[in-house]
């Protein structure tokens, strides 16, 4: 569950980094900040919205005792499809 919450946090920071070129609003530094700066060139508002929705949906299923192996396989396939589109 914490992995999904961290992923949602990264989506939020990517969205903020797209809007703020100065870097003042980012909460991360180091390797995570460089990842966010690279990731923001691939993502747009619609993709971030869809991915955040997928991550929230997976988090709610995980809380309801879904099988983690099946859940993360399905989630990874959906994320790969969203990023490619």
Protein backbone atom coordinates (compact mmCIF):
# COMPACT_ATOMS: atom_id res chain seq x y z
CA UNK A 1 0.00 0.00 0.00
CA UNK A 2 2.83 2.40 0.74
CA UNK A 3 4.25 1.79 -2.76
CA UNK A 4 0.95 2.86 -4.29
CA UNK A 5 0.77 5.95 -2.08
CA UNK A 6 4.34 6.88 -3.00
CA UNK A 7 3.46 6.46 -6.69
CA UNK A 8 0.50 8.78 -6.27
CA UNK A 9 2.82 11.26 -4.58
CA UNK A 10 5.22 11.04 -7.55
CA UNK A 11 2.34 11.75 -9.94
CA UNK A 12 1.48 14.83 -7.90
CA UNK A 13 5.07 16.05 -7.92
CA UNK A 14 5.31 15.44 -11.67
CA UNK A 15 2.24 17.57 -12.23
CA UNK A 16 3.67 20.32 -10.03
CA UNK A 17 7.02 20.14 -11.85
CA UNK A 18 5.24 20.61 -15.18
CA UNK A 19 3.59 23.78 -13.92
CA UNK A 20 6.56 25.19 -11.98
CA UNK A 21 9.83 25.46 -13.91
CA UNK A 22 11.66 27.11 -11.02
CA UNK A 23 11.59 23.97 -8.86
CA UNK A 24 10.56 25.86 -5.74
CA UNK A 25 7.44 23.79 -5.08
CA UNK A 26 9.03 20.33 -5.25
CA UNK A 27 9.41 18.39 -2.00
CA UNK A 28 11.95 15.85 -3.28
CA UNK A 29 15.63 16.14 -4.07
CA UNK A 30 18.44 14.05 -5.50
CA UNK A 31 17.64 10.98 -7.59
CA UNK A 32 13.89 11.31 -7.17
CA UNK A 33 13.96 14.90 -8.42
CA UNK A 34 15.96 13.92 -11.49
CA UNK A 35 13.45 11.11 -12.14
CA UNK A 36 10.57 13.58 -11.87
CA UNK A 37 12.25 15.98 -14.29
CA UNK A 38 12.72 13.17 -16.83
CA UNK A 39 9.26 11.73 -16.22
CA UNK A 40 7.47 15.05 -16.78
CA UNK A 41 8.55 15.09 -20.42
CA UNK A 42 6.68 11.79 -21.00
CA UNK A 43 3.54 12.61 -19.03
CA UNK A 44 0.73 15.09 -19.53
CA UNK A 45 -2.29 16.09 -17.45
CA UNK A 46 -4.59 13.40 -18.88
CA UNK A 47 -2.09 10.58 -18.38
CA UNK A 48 -1.38 11.66 -14.81
CA UNK A 49 -5.09 11.79 -14.07
CA UNK A 50 -5.70 8.30 -15.49
CA UNK A 51 -2.68 6.80 -13.71
CA UNK A 52 -3.66 8.36 -10.39
CA UNK A 53 -7.13 6.91 -10.82
CA UNK A 54 -5.65 3.46 -11.52
CA UNK A 55 -3.39 3.69 -8.48
CA UNK A 56 -6.25 4.76 -6.21
CA UNK A 57 -8.42 1.95 -7.54
CA UNK A 58 -5.65 -0.60 -6.92
CA UNK A 59 -5.10 0.77 -3.42
CA UNK A 60 -8.76 0.36 -2.56
CA UNK A 61 -8.72 -3.23 -3.85
CA UNK A 62 -5.59 -3.97 -1.86
CA UNK A 63 -7.32 -2.74 1.30
CA UNK A 64 -10.13 -5.18 0.54
CA UNK A 65 -7.67 -8.11 0.56
CA UNK A 66 -7.22 -8.58 -3.17
CA UNK A 67 -4.51 -10.98 -4.27
CA UNK A 68 -1.39 -8.73 -4.49
CA UNK A 69 0.27 -10.73 -7.28
CA UNK A 70 -2.73 -10.49 -9.56
CA UNK A 71 -3.39 -6.88 -8.58
CA UNK A 72 0.14 -5.67 -9.33
CA UNK A 73 0.33 -7.63 -12.59
CA UNK A 74 -2.91 -6.08 -13.80
CA UNK A 75 -1.86 -2.64 -12.58
CA UNK A 76 1.52 -2.83 -14.31
CA UNK A 77 -0.11 -3.83 -17.60
CA UNK A 78 -2.60 -0.97 -17.35
CA UNK A 79 0.15 1.53 -16.50
CA UNK A 80 2.29 0.40 -19.43
CA UNK A 81 -0.68 0.78 -21.77
CA UNK A 82 -1.44 4.28 -20.47
CA UNK A 83 2.15 5.47 -20.80
CA UNK A 84 2.43 4.09 -24.35
CA UNK A 85 -0.75 5.82 -25.52
